[in-house]
Amino acid sequence: MVKDVTDVYREFGEERLPPGQHRTESFPVLSKGNIPRVEREEWTLSVSGAVENPVTLDWDDVLDLGVETQRQDFHCVTGWSKFDCEFTGDW
């Protein structure tokens, strides 16, 4: 099941494309430098700061959170937007 959140822009007005953005059909892949490799046994995710319950999760804890697919618009700070992107939180 896909959770469609493409209408979130309505909270801020009727224009789906933000001012100064241009729409694209492609999805540029940009990276700078090497992509670090991390062993799963060493990897953790810490959530802290302005949260009620700080937590640190290991790889298995994150997998146990389950999977969700969302359809949403992607607006890049470099000035392009792509509508109706689907992102799935599976591994």
PDB file of N, CA and C in Angstrom:
ATOM      1  N   MET A   1       0.840  -1.171   0.000  1.00  0.00           N
ATOM      2  CA  MET A   1       0.000   0.000   0.000  1.00  0.00           C
ATOM      3  C   MET A   1       0.891   1.243   0.000  1.00  0.00           C
ATOM      4  N   VAL A   2       0.518   2.238  -0.792  1.00  0.00           N
ATOM      5  CA  VAL A   2       1.281   3.473  -0.902  1.00  0.00           C
ATOM      6  C   VAL A   2       0.543   4.593  -0.192  1.00  0.00           C
ATOM      7  N   LYS A   3       1.237   5.246   0.716  1.00  0.00           N
ATOM      8  CA  LYS A   3       0.688   6.414   1.407  1.00  0.00           C
ATOM      9  C   LYS A   3       1.001   7.637   0.549  1.00  0.00           C
ATOM     10  N   ASP A   4      -0.026   8.257  -0.031  1.00  0.00           N
ATOM     11  CA  ASP A   4       0.149   9.397  -0.929  1.00  0.00           C
ATOM     12  C   ASP A   4       0.124  10.696  -0.127  1.00  0.00           C
ATOM     13  N   VAL A   5       1.246  11.397  -0.097  1.00  0.00           N
ATOM     14  CA  VAL A   5       1.334  12.670   0.616  1.00  0.00           C
ATOM     15  C   VAL A   5       1.649  13.824  -0.336  1.00  0.00           C
ATOM     16  N   THR A   6       1.307  13.646  -1.623  1.00  0.00           N
ATOM     17  CA  THR A   6       1.621  14.674  -2.612  1.00  0.00           C
ATOM     18  C   THR A   6       0.781  15.935  -2.448  1.00  0.00           C
ATOM     19  N   ASP A   7      -0.247  15.908  -1.607  1.00  0.00           N
ATOM     20  CA  ASP A   7      -1.070  17.105  -1.423  1.00  0.00           C
ATOM     21  C   ASP A   7      -0.648  17.940  -0.221  1.00  0.00           C
ATOM     22  N   VAL A   8       0.500  17.621   0.382  1.00  0.00           N
ATOM     23  CA  VAL A   8       0.958  18.369   1.561  1.00  0.00           C
ATOM     24  C   VAL A   8       1.177  19.853   1.235  1.00  0.00           C
ATOM     25  N   TYR A   9       1.454  20.182  -0.022  1.00  0.00           N
ATOM     26  CA  TYR A   9       1.677  21.572  -0.415  1.00  0.00           C
ATOM     27  C   TYR A   9       0.459  22.442  -0.147  1.00  0.00           C
ATOM     28  N   ARG A  10      -0.731  21.863  -0.131  1.00  0.00           N
ATOM     29  CA  ARG A  10      -1.967  22.650   0.060  1.00  0.00           C
ATOM     30  C   ARG A  10      -1.978  23.395   1.395  1.00  0.00           C
ATOM     31  N   GLU A  11      -1.200  22.920   2.347  1.00  0.00           N
ATOM     32  CA  GLU A  11      -1.073  23.602   3.628  1.00  0.00           C
ATOM     33  C   GLU A  11      -0.468  25.002   3.450  1.00  0.00           C
ATOM     34  N   PHE A  12       0.284  25.181   2.352  1.00  0.00           N
ATOM     35  CA  PHE A  12       0.996  26.437   2.116  1.00  0.00           C
ATOM     36  C   PHE A  12       0.454  27.228   0.930  1.00  0.00           C
ATOM     37  N   GLY A  13      -0.557  26.724   0.227  1.00  0.00           N
ATOM     38  CA  GLY A  13      -1.129  27.416  -0.924  1.00  0.00           C
ATOM     39  C   GLY A  13      -1.577  26.430  -1.978  1.00  0.00           C
ATOM     40  N   GLU A  14      -1.936  26.960  -3.122  1.00  0.00           N
ATOM     41  CA  GLU A  14      -2.488  26.108  -4.188  1.00  0.00           C
ATOM     42  C   GLU A  14      -1.464  25.702  -5.242  1.00  0.00           C
ATOM     43  N   GLU A  15      -0.249  26.210  -5.179  1.00  0.00           N
ATOM     44  CA  GLU A  15       0.760  25.878  -6.180  1.00  0.00           C
ATOM     45  C   GLU A  15       1.605  24.691  -5.732  1.00  0.00           C
ATOM     46  N   ARG A  16       1.565  23.641  -6.506  1.00  0.00           N
ATOM     47  CA  ARG A  16       2.347  22.450  -6.186  1.00  0.00           C
ATOM     48  C   ARG A  16       3.844  22.679  -6.424  1.00  0.00           C
ATOM     49  N   LEU A  17       4.177  23.488  -7.430  1.00  0.00           N
ATOM     50  CA  LEU A  17       5.573  23.799  -7.732  1.00  0.00           C
ATOM     51  C   LEU A  17       5.955  25.070  -6.977  1.00  0.00           C
ATOM     52  N   PRO A  18       6.907  24.978  -6.038  1.00  0.00           N
ATOM     53  CA  PRO A  18       7.288  26.150  -5.252  1.00  0.00           C
ATOM     54  C   PRO A  18       7.901  27.258  -6.118  1.00  0.00           C
ATOM     55  N   PRO A  19       7.815  28.499  -5.670  1.00  0.00           N
ATOM     56  CA  PRO A  19       8.421  29.613  -6.411  1.00  0.00           C
ATOM     57  C   PRO A  19       9.919  29.385  -6.622  1.00  0.00           C
ATOM     58  N   GLY A  20      10.388  29.676  -7.817  1.00  0.00           N
ATOM     59  CA  GLY A  20      11.809  29.543  -8.124  1.00  0.00           C
ATOM     60  C   GLY A  20      12.246  28.152  -8.529  1.00  0.00           C
ATOM     61  N   GLN A  21      11.356  27.158  -8.459  1.00  0.00           N
ATOM     62  CA  GLN A  21      11.690  25.793  -8.837  1.00  0.00           C
ATOM     63  C   GLN A  21      11.262  25.527 -10.279  1.00  0.00           C
ATOM     64  N   HIS A  22      11.918  24.593 -10.955  1.00  0.00           N
ATOM     65  CA  HIS A  22      11.462  24.120 -12.259  1.00  0.00           C
ATOM     66  C   HIS A  22      11.239  22.611 -12.163  1.00  0.00           C
ATOM     67  N   ARG A  23      10.225  22.158 -12.866  1.00  0.00           N
ATOM     68  CA  ARG A  23       9.849  20.742 -12.805  1.00  0.00           C
ATOM     69  C   ARG A  23      10.717  19.927 -13.746  1.00  0.00           C
ATOM     70  N   THR A  24      11.104  18.748 -13.298  1.00  0.00           N
ATOM     71  CA  THR A  24      11.876  17.830 -14.116  1.00  0.00           C
ATOM     72  C   THR A  24      11.225  16.455 -14.069  1.00  0.00           C
ATOM     73  N   GLU A  25      11.439  15.674 -15.098  1.00  0.00           N
ATOM     74  CA  GLU A  25      10.952  14.294 -15.124  1.00  0.00           C
ATOM     75  C   GLU A  25      12.059  13.320 -14.730  1.00  0.00           C
ATOM     76  N   SER A  26      13.302  13.793 -14.765  1.00  0.00           N
ATOM     77  CA  SER A  26      14.425  12.930 -14.386  1.00  0.00           C
ATOM     78  C   SER A  26      14.714  13.094 -12.905  1.00  0.00           C
ATOM     79  N   PHE A  27      15.565  12.269 -12.392  1.00  0.00           N
ATOM     80  CA  PHE A  27      15.937  12.344 -10.993  1.00  0.00           C
ATOM     81  C   PHE A  27      17.460  12.333 -10.931  1.00  0.00           C
ATOM     82  N   PRO A  28      18.072  13.531 -10.925  1.00  0.00           N
ATOM     83  CA  PRO A  28      19.536  13.584 -10.924  1.00  0.00           C
ATOM     84  C   PRO A  28      20.127  12.899  -9.701  1.00  0.00           C
ATOM     85  N   VAL A  29      21.218  12.212  -9.890  1.00  0.00           N
ATOM     86  CA  VAL A  29      21.933  11.598  -8.778  1.00  0.00           C
ATOM     87  C   VAL A  29      23.231  12.376  -8.619  1.00  0.00           C
ATOM     88  N   LEU A  30      23.347  13.061  -7.508  1.00  0.00           N
ATOM     89  CA  LEU A  30      24.513  13.890  -7.251  1.00  0.00           C
ATOM     90  C   LEU A  30      25.241  13.378  -6.020  1.00  0.00           C
ATOM     91  N   SER A  31      26.542  13.308  -6.113  1.00  0.00           N
ATOM     92  CA  SER A  31      27.334  12.950  -4.936  1.00  0.00           C
ATOM     93  C   SER A  31      28.680  13.648  -5.059  1.00  0.00           C
ATOM     94  N   LYS A  32      29.296  13.842  -3.928  1.00  0.00           N
ATOM     95  CA  LYS A  32      30.614  14.465  -3.915  1.00  0.00           C
ATOM     96  C   LYS A  32      31.518  13.583  -3.066  1.00  0.00           C
ATOM     97  N   GLY A  33      32.525  13.072  -3.681  1.00  0.00           N
ATOM     98  CA  GLY A  33      33.461  12.247  -2.936  1.00  0.00           C
ATOM     99  C   GLY A  33      33.023  10.803  -2.844  1.00  0.00           C
ATOM    100  N   ASN A  34      33.718  10.084  -2.011  1.00  0.00           N
ATOM    101  CA  ASN A  34      33.454   8.655  -1.824  1.00  0.00           C
ATOM    102  C   ASN A  34      32.233   8.435  -0.948  1.00  0.00           C
ATOM    103  N   ILE A  35      31.577   7.323  -1.154  1.00  0.00           N
ATOM    104  CA  ILE A  35      30.455   6.920  -0.310  1.00  0.00           C
ATOM    105  C   ILE A  35      31.022   6.016   0.777  1.00  0.00           C
ATOM    106  N   PRO A  36      30.872   6.408   2.043  1.00  0.00           N
ATOM    107  CA  PRO A  36      31.473   5.601   3.114  1.00  0.00           C
ATOM    108  C   PRO A  36      30.825   4.221   3.242  1.00  0.00           C
ATOM    109  N   ARG A  37      31.615   3.233   3.602  1.00  0.00           N
ATOM    110  CA  ARG A  37      31.131   1.878   3.864  1.00  0.00           C
ATOM    111  C   ARG A  37      31.115   1.679   5.373  1.00  0.00           C
ATOM    112  N   VAL A  38      30.003   1.189   5.888  1.00  0.00           N
ATOM    113  CA  VAL A  38      29.874   0.938   7.318  1.00  0.00           C
ATOM    114  C   VAL A  38      29.370  -0.485   7.507  1.00  0.00           C
ATOM    115  N   GLU A  39      30.005  -1.211   8.395  1.00  0.00           N
ATOM    116  CA  GLU A  39      29.573  -2.568   8.696  1.00  0.00           C
ATOM    117  C   GLU A  39      28.271  -2.528   9.493  1.00  0.00           C
ATOM    118  N   ARG A  40      27.322  -3.382   9.148  1.00  0.00           N
ATOM    119  CA  ARG A  40      26.028  -3.407   9.847  1.00  0.00           C
ATOM    120  C   ARG A  40      26.182  -3.625  11.346  1.00  0.00           C
ATOM    121  N   GLU A  41      27.143  -4.427  11.741  1.00  0.00           N
ATOM    122  CA  GLU A  41      27.343  -4.716  13.162  1.00  0.00           C
ATOM    123  C   GLU A  41      27.788  -3.473  13.938  1.00  0.00           C
ATOM    124  N   GLU A  42      28.380  -2.508  13.251  1.00  0.00           N
ATOM    125  CA  GLU A  42      28.880  -1.298  13.898  1.00  0.00           C
ATOM    126  C   GLU A  42      27.919  -0.115  13.776  1.00  0.00           C
ATOM    127  N   TRP A  43      26.923  -0.218  12.903  1.00  0.00           N
ATOM    128  CA  TRP A  43      26.048   0.898  12.576  1.00  0.00           C
ATOM    129  C   TRP A  43      25.001   1.134  13.665  1.00  0.00           C
ATOM    130  N   THR A  44      24.767   2.406  14.019  1.00  0.00           N
ATOM    131  CA  THR A  44      23.681   2.770  14.925  1.00  0.00           C
ATOM    132  C   THR A  44      23.057   4.070  14.450  1.00  0.00           C
ATOM    133  N   LEU A  45      21.824   4.277  14.848  1.00  0.00           N
ATOM    134  CA  LEU A  45      21.090   5.509  14.580  1.00  0.00           C
ATOM    135  C   LEU A  45      20.650   6.065  15.924  1.00  0.00           C
ATOM    136  N   SER A  46      21.085   7.285  16.247  1.00  0.00           N
ATOM    137  CA  SER A  46      20.703   7.925  17.506  1.00  0.00           C
ATOM    138  C   SER A  46      19.730   9.054  17.231  1.00  0.00           C
ATOM    139  N   VAL A  47      18.625   9.063  17.973  1.00  0.00           N
ATOM    140  CA  VAL A  47      17.623  10.124  17.889  1.00  0.00           C
ATOM    141  C   VAL A  47      17.631  10.819  19.242  1.00  0.00           C
ATOM    142  N   SER A  48      17.985  12.110  19.239  1.00  0.00           N
ATOM    143  CA  SER A  48      18.088  12.848  20.494  1.00  0.00           C
ATOM    144  C   SER A  48      17.775  14.320  20.237  1.00  0.00           C
ATOM    145  N   GLY A  49      17.853  15.115  21.274  1.00  0.00           N
ATOM    146  CA  GLY A  49      17.575  16.543  21.127  1.00  0.00           C
ATOM    147  C   GLY A  49      16.146  16.845  21.518  1.00  0.00           C
ATOM    148  N   ALA A  50      15.396  17.471  20.617  1.00  0.00           N
ATOM    149  CA  ALA A  50      14.023  17.893  20.908  1.00  0.00           C
ATOM    150  C   ALA A  50      13.045  16.734  20.719  1.00  0.00           C
ATOM    151  N   VAL A  51      13.298  15.635  21.413  1.00  0.00           N
ATOM    152  CA  VAL A  51      12.409  14.471  21.392  1.00  0.00           C
ATOM    153  C   VAL A  51      12.062  14.093  22.820  1.00  0.00           C
ATOM    154  N   GLU A  52      10.908  13.480  22.980  1.00  0.00           N
ATOM    155  CA  GLU A  52      10.474  13.080  24.318  1.00  0.00           C
ATOM    156  C   GLU A  52      11.295  11.911  24.862  1.00  0.00           C
ATOM    157  N   ASN A  53      11.613  10.968  23.974  1.00  0.00           N
ATOM    158  CA  ASN A  53      12.344   9.772  24.398  1.00  0.00           C
ATOM    159  C   ASN A  53      13.546   9.529  23.489  1.00  0.00           C
ATOM    160  N   PRO A  54      14.727  10.009  23.862  1.00  0.00           N
ATOM    161  CA  PRO A  54      15.915   9.721  23.055  1.00  0.00           C
ATOM    162  C   PRO A  54      16.132   8.214  22.945  1.00  0.00           C
ATOM    163  N   VAL A  55      16.634   7.783  21.811  1.00  0.00           N
ATOM    164  CA  VAL A  55      16.828   6.347  21.591  1.00  0.00           C
ATOM    165  C   VAL A  55      18.010   6.138  20.649  1.00  0.00           C
ATOM    166  N   THR A  56      18.690   5.019  20.814  1.00  0.00           N
ATOM    167  CA  THR A  56      19.717   4.584  19.877  1.00  0.00           C
ATOM    168  C   THR A  56      19.314   3.208  19.370  1.00  0.00           C
ATOM    169  N   LEU A  57      19.278   3.070  18.055  1.00  0.00           N
ATOM    170  CA  LEU A  57      18.845   1.825  17.415  1.00  0.00           C
ATOM    171  C   LEU A  57      20.006   1.198  16.663  1.00  0.00           C
ATOM    172  N   ASP A  58      20.073  -0.121  16.675  1.00  0.00           N
ATOM    173  CA  ASP A  58      21.043  -0.798  15.820  1.00  0.00           C
ATOM    174  C   ASP A  58      20.319  -1.216  14.534  1.00  0.00           C
ATOM    175  N   TRP A  59      21.031  -1.886  13.643  1.00  0.00           N
ATOM    176  CA  TRP A  59      20.482  -2.240  12.331  1.00  0.00           C
ATOM    177  C   TRP A  59      19.208  -3.083  12.467  1.00  0.00           C
ATOM    178  N   ASP A  60      19.219  -4.081  13.336  1.00  0.00           N
ATOM    179  CA  ASP A  60      18.053  -4.954  13.509  1.00  0.00           C
ATOM    180  C   ASP A  60      16.861  -4.194  14.093  1.00  0.00           C
ATOM    181  N   ASP A  61      17.119  -3.256  15.002  1.00  0.00           N
ATOM    182  CA  ASP A  61      16.038  -2.433  15.559  1.00  0.00           C
ATOM    183  C   ASP A  61      15.330  -1.650  14.455  1.00  0.00           C
ATOM    184  N   VAL A  62      16.105  -1.100  13.532  1.00  0.00           N
ATOM    185  CA  VAL A  62      15.520  -0.327  12.433  1.00  0.00           C
ATOM    186  C   VAL A  62      14.709  -1.240  11.517  1.00  0.00           C
ATOM    187  N   LEU A  63      15.227  -2.425  11.216  1.00  0.00           N
ATOM    188  CA  LEU A  63      14.481  -3.371  10.377  1.00  0.00           C
ATOM    189  C   LEU A  63      13.155  -3.754  11.027  1.00  0.00           C
ATOM    190  N   ASP A  64      13.132  -3.841  12.343  1.00  0.00           N
ATOM    191  CA  ASP A  64      11.913  -4.203  13.070  1.00  0.00           C
ATOM    192  C   ASP A  64      10.839  -3.123  13.020  1.00  0.00           C
ATOM    193  N   LEU A  65      11.195  -1.910  12.595  1.00  0.00           N
ATOM    194  CA  LEU A  65      10.216  -0.820  12.517  1.00  0.00           C
ATOM    195  C   LEU A  65       9.201  -1.047  11.406  1.00  0.00           C
ATOM    196  N   GLY A  66       9.518  -1.895  10.444  1.00  0.00           N
ATOM    197  CA  GLY A  66       8.592  -2.189   9.362  1.00  0.00           C
ATOM    198  C   GLY A  66       8.869  -1.359   8.121  1.00  0.00           C
ATOM    199  N   VAL A  67       8.010  -1.534   7.130  1.00  0.00           N
ATOM    200  CA  VAL A  67       8.189  -0.922   5.818  1.00  0.00           C
ATOM    201  C   VAL A  67       6.999  -0.036   5.499  1.00  0.00           C
ATOM    202  N   GLU A  68       7.274   1.113   4.884  1.00  0.00           N
ATOM    203  CA  GLU A  68       6.206   1.988   4.390  1.00  0.00           C
ATOM    204  C   GLU A  68       6.663   2.584   3.072  1.00  0.00           C
ATOM    205  N   THR A  69       5.754   2.674   2.128  1.00  0.00           N
ATOM    206  CA  THR A  69       6.024   3.343   0.864  1.00  0.00           C
ATOM    207  C   THR A  69       5.213   4.622   0.831  1.00  0.00           C
ATOM    208  N   GLN A  70       5.883   5.729   0.490  1.00  0.00           N
ATOM    209  CA  GLN A  70       5.208   7.023   0.375  1.00  0.00           C
ATOM    210  C   GLN A  70       5.408   7.581  -1.016  1.00  0.00           C
ATOM    211  N   ARG A  71       4.374   8.217  -1.538  1.00  0.00           N
ATOM    212  CA  ARG A  71       4.464   8.978  -2.778  1.00  0.00           C
ATOM    213  C   ARG A  71       4.481  10.445  -2.372  1.00  0.00           C
ATOM    214  N   GLN A  72       5.515  11.153  -2.797  1.00  0.00           N
ATOM    215  CA  GLN A  72       5.647  12.556  -2.426  1.00  0.00           C
ATOM    216  C   GLN A  72       6.428  13.311  -3.489  1.00  0.00           C
ATOM    217  N   ASP A  73       6.310  14.614  -3.447  1.00  0.00           N
ATOM    218  CA  ASP A  73       7.074  15.461  -4.353  1.00  0.00           C
ATOM    219  C   ASP A  73       8.440  15.735  -3.734  1.00  0.00           C
ATOM    220  N   PHE A  74       9.455  15.827  -4.582  1.00  0.00           N
ATOM    221  CA  PHE A  74      10.816  16.076  -4.125  1.00  0.00           C
ATOM    222  C   PHE A  74      11.248  17.433  -4.655  1.00  0.00           C
ATOM    223  N   HIS A  75      11.615  18.332  -3.755  1.00  0.00           N
ATOM    224  CA  HIS A  75      12.046  19.681  -4.125  1.00  0.00           C
ATOM    225  C   HIS A  75      13.491  19.853  -3.679  1.00  0.00           C
ATOM    226  N   CYS A  76      14.395  20.004  -4.631  1.00  0.00           N
ATOM    227  CA  CYS A  76      15.818  20.113  -4.343  1.00  0.00           C
ATOM    228  C   CYS A  76      16.215  21.570  -4.148  1.00  0.00           C
ATOM    229  N   VAL A  77      17.148  21.815  -3.247  1.00  0.00           N
ATOM    230  CA  VAL A  77      17.624  23.173  -2.995  1.00  0.00           C
ATOM    231  C   VAL A  77      18.338  23.762  -4.210  1.00  0.00           C
ATOM    232  N   THR A  78      18.723  22.910  -5.167  1.00  0.00           N
ATOM    233  CA  THR A  78      19.389  23.426  -6.363  1.00  0.00           C
ATOM    234  C   THR A  78      18.398  23.975  -7.392  1.00  0.00           C
ATOM    235  N   GLY A  79      17.078  23.861  -7.117  1.00  0.00           N
ATOM    236  CA  GLY A  79      16.082  24.503  -7.967  1.00  0.00           C
ATOM    237  C   GLY A  79      15.211  23.603  -8.806  1.00  0.00           C
ATOM    238  N   TRP A  80      15.329  22.295  -8.680  1.00  0.00           N
ATOM    239  CA  TRP A  80      14.464  21.412  -9.460  1.00  0.00           C
ATOM    240  C   TRP A  80      13.495  20.665  -8.549  1.00  0.00           C
ATOM    241  N   SER A  81      12.360  20.288  -9.137  1.00  0.00           N
ATOM    242  CA  SER A  81      11.335  19.526  -8.427  1.00  0.00           C
ATOM    243  C   SER A  81      10.899  18.354  -9.289  1.00  0.00           C
ATOM    244  N   LYS A  82      10.664  17.222  -8.664  1.00  0.00           N
ATOM    245  CA  LYS A  82      10.100  16.055  -9.359  1.00  0.00           C
ATOM    246  C   LYS A  82       8.873  15.622  -8.581  1.00  0.00           C
ATOM    247  N   PHE A  83       7.757  15.502  -9.291  1.00  0.00           N
ATOM    248  CA  PHE A  83       6.488  15.135  -8.664  1.00  0.00           C
ATOM    249  C   PHE A  83       6.323  13.615  -8.611  1.00  0.00           C
ATOM    250  N   ASP A  84       5.517  13.166  -7.651  1.00  0.00           N
ATOM    251  CA  ASP A  84       5.070  11.774  -7.552  1.00  0.00           C
ATOM    252  C   ASP A  84       6.202  10.747  -7.415  1.00  0.00           C
ATOM    253  N   CYS A  85       7.192  11.064  -6.606  1.00  0.00           N
ATOM    254  CA  CYS A  85       8.281  10.111  -6.344  1.00  0.00           C
ATOM    255  C   CYS A  85       7.796   9.108  -5.291  1.00  0.00           C
ATOM    256  N   GLU A  86       8.140   7.835  -5.481  1.00  0.00           N
ATOM    257  CA  GLU A  86       7.810   6.826  -4.490  1.00  0.00           C
ATOM    258  C   GLU A  86       9.079   6.378  -3.779  1.00  0.00           C
ATOM    259  N   PHE A  87       9.028   6.462  -2.460  1.00  0.00           N
ATOM    260  CA  PHE A  87      10.143   6.058  -1.620  1.00  0.00           C
ATOM    261  C   PHE A  87       9.654   4.949  -0.701  1.00  0.00           C
ATOM    262  N   THR A  88      10.434   3.869  -0.615  1.00  0.00           N
ATOM    263  CA  THR A  88      10.073   2.744   0.242  1.00  0.00           C
ATOM    264  C   THR A  88      11.155   2.557   1.280  1.00  0.00           C
ATOM    265  N   GLY A  89      10.738   2.371   2.507  1.00  0.00           N
ATOM    266  CA  GLY A  89      11.667   2.179   3.604  1.00  0.00           C
ATOM    267  C   GLY A  89      12.013   0.725   3.812  1.00  0.00           C
ATOM    268  N   ASP A  90      12.254  -0.029   2.732  1.00  0.00           N
ATOM    269  CA  ASP A  90      12.656  -1.429   2.911  1.00  0.00           C
ATOM    270  C   ASP A  90      14.168  -1.538   2.727  1.00  0.00           C
ATOM    271  N   TRP A  91      14.699  -2.663   3.119  1.00  0.00           N
ATOM    272  CA  TRP A  91      16.148  -2.846   3.078  1.00  0.00           C
ATOM    273  C   TRP A  91      16.462  -3.933   2.111  1.00  0.00           C
TER     274      TRP A  91
END
